[in-house]
């Protein structure tokens, strides 16, 4: 792939995907979206995979968002076709069957922060610089950023970012609740890998069920979400991995999971 670097750490069950256009701050062009779509479809069927991490190449950016030089000459039809691809990719990240972490540093504007917000959570370093500047370009975010932000930081702070296109730096973004963790500069991937290894050591089926129930339960009322929790709880209680997990705890050893 020309716009992505994929590091498959098979022994650990982790894939690190690097957005690799550092000369343009890892801005998304149509080729990158196409390669992301192909990659996500491939990774989704890898039963050895436990966690995916996204990061940006270079020292300056996670991603500056859409490649506006490419978009400058697009017709409405070309823009619409590209955006359908963008929507497909971003929803594939949100609904990916295994946890996805954004390891974020530097600039994450427009589609950059939108992609990160589609991940299960974000670990950022102190250089992080966020913005949804679309209102300064005459349109609105179209990658789920508005809906994900309002769920993460509330309506008023989201309005402030959207109306003004303001840049939110790392400490404030962490205080507002955009990031799960804020780490020293340059430590974002190291910390994300530590968390990914912890995830990879848990029962795969339990983690997948947890993602599904939390993802869908959060979009429903409490009782509907709780019913979903219980449905998966009752399935897992009857699984071989539940027996193995309890046995391994009592025998003071690492569990050997069999359910994918």
C-alpha atoms as a PDB file:
ATOM      1  CA  UNK A   1       0.000   0.000   0.000  1.00  0.00           C
ATOM      2  CA  UNK A   2       1.284   3.451  -0.924  1.00  0.00           C
ATOM      3  CA  UNK A   3      -0.474   5.535   1.743  1.00  0.00           C
ATOM      4  CA  UNK A   4      -0.463   3.118   4.693  1.00  0.00           C
ATOM      5  CA  UNK A   5       2.138   1.165   6.628  1.00  0.00           C
ATOM      6  CA  UNK A   6       0.793  -1.955   8.320  1.00  0.00           C
ATOM      7  CA  UNK A   7       2.810  -3.606  11.079  1.00  0.00           C
ATOM      8  CA  UNK A   8       1.260  -6.996  11.834  1.00  0.00           C
ATOM      9  CA  UNK A   9       2.547  -8.083  15.249  1.00  0.00           C
ATOM     10  CA  UNK A  10       1.067 -11.533  14.853  1.00  0.00           C
ATOM     11  CA  UNK A  11       2.471 -13.027  18.048  1.00  0.00           C
ATOM     12  CA  UNK A  12       0.812 -10.291  20.069  1.00  0.00           C
ATOM     13  CA  UNK A  13      -2.378 -10.213  17.993  1.00  0.00           C
ATOM     14  CA  UNK A  14      -1.925  -6.502  17.255  1.00  0.00           C
ATOM     15  CA  UNK A  15      -1.903  -4.545  13.986  1.00  0.00           C
ATOM     16  CA  UNK A  16      -0.470  -1.015  13.905  1.00  0.00           C
ATOM     17  CA  UNK A  17      -1.760   0.986  10.943  1.00  0.00           C
ATOM     18  CA  UNK A  18       0.210   4.135  10.108  1.00  0.00           C
ATOM     19  CA  UNK A  19      -1.320   6.886   7.972  1.00  0.00           C
ATOM     20  CA  UNK A  20       1.669   7.512   5.738  1.00  0.00           C
ATOM     21  CA  UNK A  21       1.576  10.811   3.875  1.00  0.00           C
ATOM     22  CA  UNK A  22       3.797  12.871   6.224  1.00  0.00           C
ATOM     23  CA  UNK A  23       4.715  15.437   3.562  1.00  0.00           C
ATOM     24  CA  UNK A  24       1.074  16.628   3.611  1.00  0.00           C
ATOM     25  CA  UNK A  25       0.488  15.977   7.340  1.00  0.00           C
ATOM     26  CA  UNK A  26      -1.108  12.603   6.517  1.00  0.00           C
ATOM     27  CA  UNK A  27      -4.044  14.255   4.773  1.00  0.00           C
ATOM     28  CA  UNK A  28      -6.601  11.810   3.406  1.00  0.00           C
ATOM     29  CA  UNK A  29      -6.849  11.484  -0.359  1.00  0.00           C
ATOM     30  CA  UNK A  30      -9.076   9.054  -2.248  1.00  0.00           C
ATOM     31  CA  UNK A  31      -6.281   6.510  -2.491  1.00  0.00           C
ATOM     32  CA  UNK A  32      -5.821   6.449   1.282  1.00  0.00           C
ATOM     33  CA  UNK A  33      -9.549   5.963   1.864  1.00  0.00           C
ATOM     34  CA  UNK A  34      -9.570   3.155  -0.703  1.00  0.00           C
ATOM     35  CA  UNK A  35      -6.607   1.434   0.928  1.00  0.00           C
ATOM     36  CA  UNK A  36      -8.172   1.816   4.379  1.00  0.00           C
ATOM     37  CA  UNK A  37     -11.378   0.196   3.121  1.00  0.00           C
ATOM     38  CA  UNK A  38      -9.459  -2.737   1.634  1.00  0.00           C
ATOM     39  CA  UNK A  39      -7.347  -3.156   4.769  1.00  0.00           C
ATOM     40  CA  UNK A  40     -10.249  -3.056   7.211  1.00  0.00           C
ATOM     41  CA  UNK A  41     -12.105  -5.720   5.264  1.00  0.00           C
ATOM     42  CA  UNK A  42      -8.996  -7.921   5.348  1.00  0.00           C
ATOM     43  CA  UNK A  43      -8.311  -7.371   9.061  1.00  0.00           C
ATOM     44  CA  UNK A  44     -11.921  -8.001  10.062  1.00  0.00           C
ATOM     45  CA  UNK A  45     -11.584 -11.646   9.000  1.00  0.00           C
ATOM     46  CA  UNK A  46      -8.258 -12.244  10.751  1.00  0.00           C
ATOM     47  CA  UNK A  47      -9.246 -14.438  13.711  1.00  0.00           C
ATOM     48  CA  UNK A  48      -5.784 -14.076  15.288  1.00  0.00           C
ATOM     49  CA  UNK A  49      -6.193 -10.301  15.558  1.00  0.00           C
ATOM     50  CA  UNK A  50      -7.002  -8.859  18.982  1.00  0.00           C
ATOM     51  CA  UNK A  51      -6.538  -5.097  18.590  1.00  0.00           C
ATOM     52  CA  UNK A  52      -5.831  -2.441  15.939  1.00  0.00           C
ATOM     53  CA  UNK A  53      -3.928   0.808  16.540  1.00  0.00           C
ATOM     54  CA  UNK A  54      -4.001   3.825  14.217  1.00  0.00           C
ATOM     55  CA  UNK A  55      -1.209   6.389  14.233  1.00  0.00           C
ATOM     56  CA  UNK A  56       0.199   9.066  11.926  1.00  0.00           C
ATOM     57  CA  UNK A  57       3.635   9.075  10.265  1.00  0.00           C
ATOM     58  CA  UNK A  58       6.159  11.800  10.981  1.00  0.00           C
ATOM     59  CA  UNK A  59       6.538  14.145  13.911  1.00  0.00           C
ATOM     60  CA  UNK A  60       3.905  16.743  13.057  1.00  0.00           C
ATOM     61  CA  UNK A  61       0.521  15.128  12.633  1.00  0.00           C
ATOM     62  CA  UNK A  62      -1.892  12.284  13.152  1.00  0.00           C
ATOM     63  CA  UNK A  63      -3.814  13.658  10.166  1.00  0.00           C
ATOM     64  CA  UNK A  64      -4.709  17.132   8.961  1.00  0.00           C
ATOM     65  CA  UNK A  65      -7.982  15.807   7.512  1.00  0.00           C
ATOM     66  CA  UNK A  66      -9.133  15.788   3.917  1.00  0.00           C
ATOM     67  CA  UNK A  67      -6.691  16.615   1.136  1.00  0.00           C
ATOM     68  CA  UNK A  68      -8.148  19.947   0.024  1.00  0.00           C
ATOM     69  CA  UNK A  69      -5.787  20.201  -2.942  1.00  0.00           C
ATOM     70  CA  UNK A  70      -7.308  17.027  -4.358  1.00  0.00           C
ATOM     71  CA  UNK A  71     -10.809  18.237  -3.529  1.00  0.00           C
ATOM     72  CA  UNK A  72     -10.246  21.653  -5.102  1.00  0.00           C
ATOM     73  CA  UNK A  73     -11.098  20.401  -8.591  1.00  0.00           C
ATOM     74  CA  UNK A  74     -13.758  17.849  -7.691  1.00  0.00           C
ATOM     75  CA  UNK A  75     -17.224  17.993  -9.166  1.00  0.00           C
ATOM     76  CA  UNK A  76     -20.202  17.541  -6.850  1.00  0.00           C
ATOM     77  CA  UNK A  77     -20.550  13.982  -8.126  1.00  0.00           C
ATOM     78  CA  UNK A  78     -16.882  13.197  -7.440  1.00  0.00           C
ATOM     79  CA  UNK A  79     -17.135  14.708  -3.950  1.00  0.00           C
ATOM     80  CA  UNK A  80     -20.252  12.615  -3.230  1.00  0.00           C
ATOM     81  CA  UNK A  81     -18.577   9.433  -4.459  1.00  0.00           C
ATOM     82  CA  UNK A  82     -15.507  10.061  -2.333  1.00  0.00           C
ATOM     83  CA  UNK A  83     -17.628  10.862   0.685  1.00  0.00           C
ATOM     84  CA  UNK A  84     -19.554   7.622   0.415  1.00  0.00           C
ATOM     85  CA  UNK A  85     -16.221   5.828   0.612  1.00  0.00           C
ATOM     86  CA  UNK A  86     -15.257   7.946   3.638  1.00  0.00           C
ATOM     87  CA  UNK A  87     -18.510   7.079   5.389  1.00  0.00           C
ATOM     88  CA  UNK A  88     -17.980   3.376   4.686  1.00  0.00           C
ATOM     89  CA  UNK A  89     -14.453   3.449   6.123  1.00  0.00           C
ATOM     90  CA  UNK A  90     -15.333   5.408   9.248  1.00  0.00           C
ATOM     91  CA  UNK A  91     -18.327   3.233  10.078  1.00  0.00           C
ATOM     92  CA  UNK A  92     -16.168   0.147   9.477  1.00  0.00           C
ATOM     93  CA  UNK A  93     -13.779   1.471  12.126  1.00  0.00           C
ATOM     94  CA  UNK A  94     -16.608   2.179  14.562  1.00  0.00           C
ATOM     95  CA  UNK A  95     -18.151  -1.265  14.008  1.00  0.00           C
ATOM     96  CA  UNK A  96     -14.878  -3.175  13.700  1.00  0.00           C
ATOM     97  CA  UNK A  97     -15.306  -6.489  15.540  1.00  0.00           C
ATOM     98  CA  UNK A  98     -12.250  -5.919  17.737  1.00  0.00           C
ATOM     99  CA  UNK A  99     -11.029  -2.920  19.737  1.00  0.00           C
ATOM    100  CA  UNK A 100      -9.452  -0.045  17.810  1.00  0.00           C
ATOM    101  CA  UNK A 101      -7.194   2.519  19.505  1.00  0.00           C
ATOM    102  CA  UNK A 102      -6.094   5.885  18.126  1.00  0.00           C
ATOM    103  CA  UNK A 103      -2.514   6.734  19.157  1.00  0.00           C
ATOM    104  CA  UNK A 104      -2.610  10.438  18.452  1.00  0.00           C
ATOM    105  CA  UNK A 105       0.029  13.132  18.272  1.00  0.00           C
ATOM    106  CA  UNK A 106       0.302  16.527  16.656  1.00  0.00           C
ATOM    107  CA  UNK A 107      -2.333  17.895  14.323  1.00  0.00           C
ATOM    108  CA  UNK A 108      -5.644  16.056  14.171  1.00  0.00           C
ATOM    109  CA  UNK A 109      -7.994  18.343  12.277  1.00  0.00           C
ATOM    110  CA  UNK A 110     -11.203  17.666  10.376  1.00  0.00           C
ATOM    111  CA  UNK A 111     -11.282  14.069   9.193  1.00  0.00           C
ATOM    112  CA  UNK A 112      -8.200  13.340  11.295  1.00  0.00           C
ATOM    113  CA  UNK A 113      -9.935  13.813  14.622  1.00  0.00           C
ATOM    114  CA  UNK A 114     -13.103  12.304  13.159  1.00  0.00           C
ATOM    115  CA  UNK A 115     -11.273   9.066  12.389  1.00  0.00           C
ATOM    116  CA  UNK A 116      -9.753   9.046  15.878  1.00  0.00           C
ATOM    117  CA  UNK A 117     -13.193   9.581  17.435  1.00  0.00           C
ATOM    118  CA  UNK A 118     -14.527   6.554  15.551  1.00  0.00           C
ATOM    119  CA  UNK A 119     -11.983   4.415  17.403  1.00  0.00           C
ATOM    120  CA  UNK A 120     -12.921   2.871  20.729  1.00  0.00           C
ATOM    121  CA  UNK A 121     -10.713   5.347  22.529  1.00  0.00           C
ATOM    122  CA  UNK A 122      -7.806   7.727  22.090  1.00  0.00           C
ATOM    123  CA  UNK A 123      -4.394   7.875  23.738  1.00  0.00           C
ATOM    124  CA  UNK A 124      -2.727  11.189  22.907  1.00  0.00           C
ATOM    125  CA  UNK A 125       0.571  12.843  23.627  1.00  0.00           C
ATOM    126  CA  UNK A 126       1.181  16.422  24.729  1.00  0.00           C
ATOM    127  CA  UNK A 127       1.627  17.697  21.171  1.00  0.00           C
ATOM    128  CA  UNK A 128      -1.990  16.949  20.209  1.00  0.00           C
ATOM    129  CA  UNK A 129      -3.801  19.787  18.427  1.00  0.00           C
ATOM    130  CA  UNK A 130      -7.470  19.243  17.547  1.00  0.00           C
ATOM    131  CA  UNK A 131      -9.937  21.179  15.420  1.00  0.00           C
ATOM    132  CA  UNK A 132     -13.052  20.815  13.321  1.00  0.00           C
ATOM    133  CA  UNK A 133     -12.415  23.772  10.985  1.00  0.00           C
ATOM    134  CA  UNK A 134     -15.087  22.963   8.388  1.00  0.00           C
ATOM    135  CA  UNK A 135     -17.201  26.025   9.197  1.00  0.00           C
ATOM    136  CA  UNK A 136     -14.204  28.123   8.059  1.00  0.00           C
ATOM    137  CA  UNK A 137     -14.353  26.311   4.711  1.00  0.00           C
ATOM    138  CA  UNK A 138     -18.090  26.724   4.165  1.00  0.00           C
ATOM    139  CA  UNK A 139     -19.416  23.306   5.153  1.00  0.00           C
ATOM    140  CA  UNK A 140     -19.801  20.958   8.151  1.00  0.00           C
ATOM    141  CA  UNK A 141     -17.953  17.854   9.357  1.00  0.00           C
ATOM    142  CA  UNK A 142     -19.241  14.746   7.589  1.00  0.00           C
ATOM    143  CA  UNK A 143     -17.304  11.990   9.339  1.00  0.00           C
ATOM    144  CA  UNK A 144     -19.316  11.574  12.512  1.00  0.00           C
ATOM    145  CA  UNK A 145     -17.292  14.176  14.401  1.00  0.00           C
ATOM    146  CA  UNK A 146     -20.295  16.144  15.571  1.00  0.00           C
ATOM    147  CA  UNK A 147     -22.129  13.127  16.955  1.00  0.00           C
ATOM    148  CA  UNK A 148     -19.043  11.572  18.525  1.00  0.00           C
ATOM    149  CA  UNK A 149     -17.899  14.826  20.112  1.00  0.00           C
ATOM    150  CA  UNK A 150     -21.258  15.679  21.603  1.00  0.00           C
ATOM    151  CA  UNK A 151     -21.311  12.234  23.222  1.00  0.00           C
ATOM    152  CA  UNK A 152     -17.778  12.701  24.556  1.00  0.00           C
ATOM    153  CA  UNK A 153     -17.716  16.321  25.729  1.00  0.00           C
ATOM    154  CA  UNK A 154     -21.318  17.558  25.706  1.00  0.00           C
ATOM    155  CA  UNK A 155     -23.338  19.950  23.588  1.00  0.00           C
ATOM    156  CA  UNK A 156     -21.896  23.284  24.700  1.00  0.00           C
ATOM    157  CA  UNK A 157     -18.224  22.454  24.172  1.00  0.00           C
ATOM    158  CA  UNK A 158     -19.028  20.824  20.837  1.00  0.00           C
ATOM    159  CA  UNK A 159     -20.868  23.950  19.726  1.00  0.00           C
ATOM    160  CA  UNK A 160     -17.865  26.053  20.664  1.00  0.00           C
ATOM    161  CA  UNK A 161     -15.558  23.921  18.531  1.00  0.00           C
ATOM    162  CA  UNK A 162     -17.930  23.725  15.565  1.00  0.00           C
ATOM    163  CA  UNK A 163     -19.099  27.333  15.428  1.00  0.00           C
ATOM    164  CA  UNK A 164     -15.612  28.829  15.631  1.00  0.00           C
ATOM    165  CA  UNK A 165     -13.351  26.102  14.263  1.00  0.00           C
ATOM    166  CA  UNK A 166     -11.197  26.664  17.362  1.00  0.00           C
ATOM    167  CA  UNK A 167      -8.035  24.667  17.941  1.00  0.00           C
ATOM    168  CA  UNK A 168      -8.060  22.669  21.157  1.00  0.00           C
ATOM    169  CA  UNK A 169      -4.673  21.690  22.488  1.00  0.00           C
ATOM    170  CA  UNK A 170      -3.797  18.503  24.329  1.00  0.00           C
ATOM    171  CA  UNK A 171      -4.348  19.458  27.962  1.00  0.00           C
ATOM    172  CA  UNK A 172      -7.728  21.069  27.356  1.00  0.00           C
ATOM    173  CA  UNK A 173      -8.852  18.198  25.124  1.00  0.00           C
ATOM    174  CA  UNK A 174      -7.965  15.755  27.892  1.00  0.00           C
ATOM    175  CA  UNK A 175      -9.759  17.843  30.509  1.00  0.00           C
ATOM    176  CA  UNK A 176     -12.844  17.967  28.279  1.00  0.00           C
ATOM    177  CA  UNK A 177     -12.837  14.176  27.887  1.00  0.00           C
ATOM    178  CA  UNK A 178     -11.756  13.712  24.254  1.00  0.00           C
ATOM    179  CA  UNK A 179      -8.846  11.458  25.273  1.00  0.00           C
ATOM    180  CA  UNK A 180      -8.687   8.501  27.631  1.00  0.00           C
ATOM    181  CA  UNK A 181      -5.065   9.244  28.492  1.00  0.00           C
ATOM    182  CA  UNK A 182      -2.582  12.042  27.905  1.00  0.00           C
ATOM    183  CA  UNK A 183       1.063  10.954  27.858  1.00  0.00           C
ATOM    184  CA  UNK A 184       4.414  12.735  27.427  1.00  0.00           C
ATOM    185  CA  UNK A 185       5.394  13.782  23.928  1.00  0.00           C
ATOM    186  CA  UNK A 186       6.345  10.824  21.767  1.00  0.00           C
ATOM    187  CA  UNK A 187       4.918   8.180  24.114  1.00  0.00           C
ATOM    188  CA  UNK A 188       1.503   7.792  22.457  1.00  0.00           C
ATOM    189  CA  UNK A 189       2.301   4.608  20.521  1.00  0.00           C
ATOM    190  CA  UNK A 190       4.246   3.017  23.375  1.00  0.00           C
ATOM    191  CA  UNK A 191       1.306   3.481  25.718  1.00  0.00           C
ATOM    192  CA  UNK A 192      -1.219   2.352  23.103  1.00  0.00           C
ATOM    193  CA  UNK A 193       0.761  -0.851  22.588  1.00  0.00           C
ATOM    194  CA  UNK A 194       0.768  -1.493  26.344  1.00  0.00           C
ATOM    195  CA  UNK A 195      -3.004  -1.146  26.449  1.00  0.00           C
ATOM    196  CA  UNK A 196      -3.394  -3.279  23.307  1.00  0.00           C
ATOM    197  CA  UNK A 197      -1.363  -6.081  24.898  1.00  0.00           C
ATOM    198  CA  UNK A 198      -3.627  -5.975  27.959  1.00  0.00           C
ATOM    199  CA  UNK A 199      -6.650  -6.252  25.662  1.00  0.00           C
ATOM    200  CA  UNK A 200      -5.018  -9.103  23.738  1.00  0.00           C
ATOM    201  CA  UNK A 201      -4.558 -11.081  26.954  1.00  0.00           C
ATOM    202  CA  UNK A 202      -8.297 -11.023  27.721  1.00  0.00           C
ATOM    203  CA  UNK A 203     -10.780 -13.571  26.398  1.00  0.00           C
ATOM    204  CA  UNK A 204     -11.381 -12.638  22.720  1.00  0.00           C
ATOM    205  CA  UNK A 205     -15.058 -13.520  22.715  1.00  0.00           C
ATOM    206  CA  UNK A 206     -15.677 -11.554  25.909  1.00  0.00           C
ATOM    207  CA  UNK A 207     -13.941  -8.482  24.486  1.00  0.00           C
ATOM    208  CA  UNK A 208     -15.921  -8.692  21.243  1.00  0.00           C
ATOM    209  CA  UNK A 209     -19.166  -9.022  23.187  1.00  0.00           C
ATOM    210  CA  UNK A 210     -18.216  -6.101  25.416  1.00  0.00           C
ATOM    211  CA  UNK A 211     -17.588  -3.888  22.388  1.00  0.00           C
ATOM    212  CA  UNK A 212     -20.869  -4.847  20.783  1.00  0.00           C
ATOM    213  CA  UNK A 213     -22.979  -4.359  23.909  1.00  0.00           C
ATOM    214  CA  UNK A 214     -21.355  -1.052  24.856  1.00  0.00           C
ATOM    215  CA  UNK A 215     -21.457   0.301  21.309  1.00  0.00           C
ATOM    216  CA  UNK A 216     -25.135  -0.444  20.794  1.00  0.00           C
ATOM    217  CA  UNK A 217     -26.245  -0.138  24.397  1.00  0.00           C
ATOM    218  CA  UNK A 218     -24.970   3.435  24.605  1.00  0.00           C
ATOM    219  CA  UNK A 219     -27.350   4.393  21.789  1.00  0.00           C
ATOM    220  CA  UNK A 220     -30.437   3.011  23.552  1.00  0.00           C
ATOM    221  CA  UNK A 221     -32.321   3.531  26.801  1.00  0.00           C
ATOM    222  CA  UNK A 222     -30.996   1.872  29.964  1.00  0.00           C
ATOM    223  CA  UNK A 223     -33.339  -1.129  30.006  1.00  0.00           C
ATOM    224  CA  UNK A 224     -32.707  -1.978  26.353  1.00  0.00           C
ATOM    225  CA  UNK A 225     -28.961  -1.700  26.886  1.00  0.00           C
ATOM    226  CA  UNK A 226     -29.144  -3.808  30.029  1.00  0.00           C
ATOM    227  CA  UNK A 227     -31.100  -6.499  28.181  1.00  0.00           C
ATOM    228  CA  UNK A 228     -28.291  -6.603  25.608  1.00  0.00           C
ATOM    229  CA  UNK A 229     -25.722  -6.884  28.425  1.00  0.00           C
ATOM    230  CA  UNK A 230     -27.583  -9.824  29.945  1.00  0.00           C
ATOM    231  CA  UNK A 231     -28.008 -11.622  26.627  1.00  0.00           C
ATOM    232  CA  UNK A 232     -24.240 -11.647  26.098  1.00  0.00           C
ATOM    233  CA  UNK A 233     -23.526 -12.347  29.763  1.00  0.00           C
ATOM    234  CA  UNK A 234     -25.672 -15.473  29.648  1.00  0.00           C
ATOM    235  CA  UNK A 235     -24.031 -16.698  26.451  1.00  0.00           C
ATOM    236  CA  UNK A 236     -20.522 -16.230  27.833  1.00  0.00           C
ATOM    237  CA  UNK A 237     -21.338 -17.907  31.157  1.00  0.00           C
ATOM    238  CA  UNK A 238     -21.982 -21.083  29.161  1.00  0.00           C
ATOM    239  CA  UNK A 239     -18.757 -20.850  27.150  1.00  0.00           C
ATOM    240  CA  UNK A 240     -15.592 -22.953  27.595  1.00  0.00           C
ATOM    241  CA  UNK A 241     -13.596 -19.758  28.132  1.00  0.00           C
ATOM    242  CA  UNK A 242     -15.596 -18.901  31.264  1.00  0.00           C
ATOM    243  CA  UNK A 243     -14.649 -22.285  32.734  1.00  0.00           C
ATOM    244  CA  UNK A 244     -11.023 -21.801  31.662  1.00  0.00           C
ATOM    245  CA  UNK A 245     -10.888 -18.293  33.097  1.00  0.00           C
ATOM    246  CA  UNK A 246     -12.095 -19.412  36.527  1.00  0.00           C
ATOM    247  CA  UNK A 247      -9.845 -22.498  36.478  1.00  0.00           C
ATOM    248  CA  UNK A 248      -6.758 -20.463  35.504  1.00  0.00           C
ATOM    249  CA  UNK A 249      -7.435 -17.936  38.268  1.00  0.00           C
ATOM    250  CA  UNK A 250      -7.615 -20.673  40.889  1.00  0.00           C
ATOM    251  CA  UNK A 251      -4.548 -22.453  39.507  1.00  0.00           C
ATOM    252  CA  UNK A 252      -2.616 -19.145  39.411  1.00  0.00           C
ATOM    253  CA  UNK A 253      -1.680 -19.362  35.714  1.00  0.00           C
ATOM    254  CA  UNK A 254      -2.435 -17.550  32.473  1.00  0.00           C
ATOM    255  CA  UNK A 255      -5.650 -18.721  30.774  1.00  0.00           C
ATOM    256  CA  UNK A 256      -5.570 -20.489  27.432  1.00  0.00           C
ATOM    257  CA  UNK A 257      -8.505 -19.150  25.451  1.00  0.00           C
ATOM    258  CA  UNK A 258     -10.148 -21.289  22.772  1.00  0.00           C
ATOM    259  CA  UNK A 259     -13.075 -19.106  21.628  1.00  0.00           C
ATOM    260  CA  UNK A 260     -12.335 -16.606  18.866  1.00  0.00           C
END
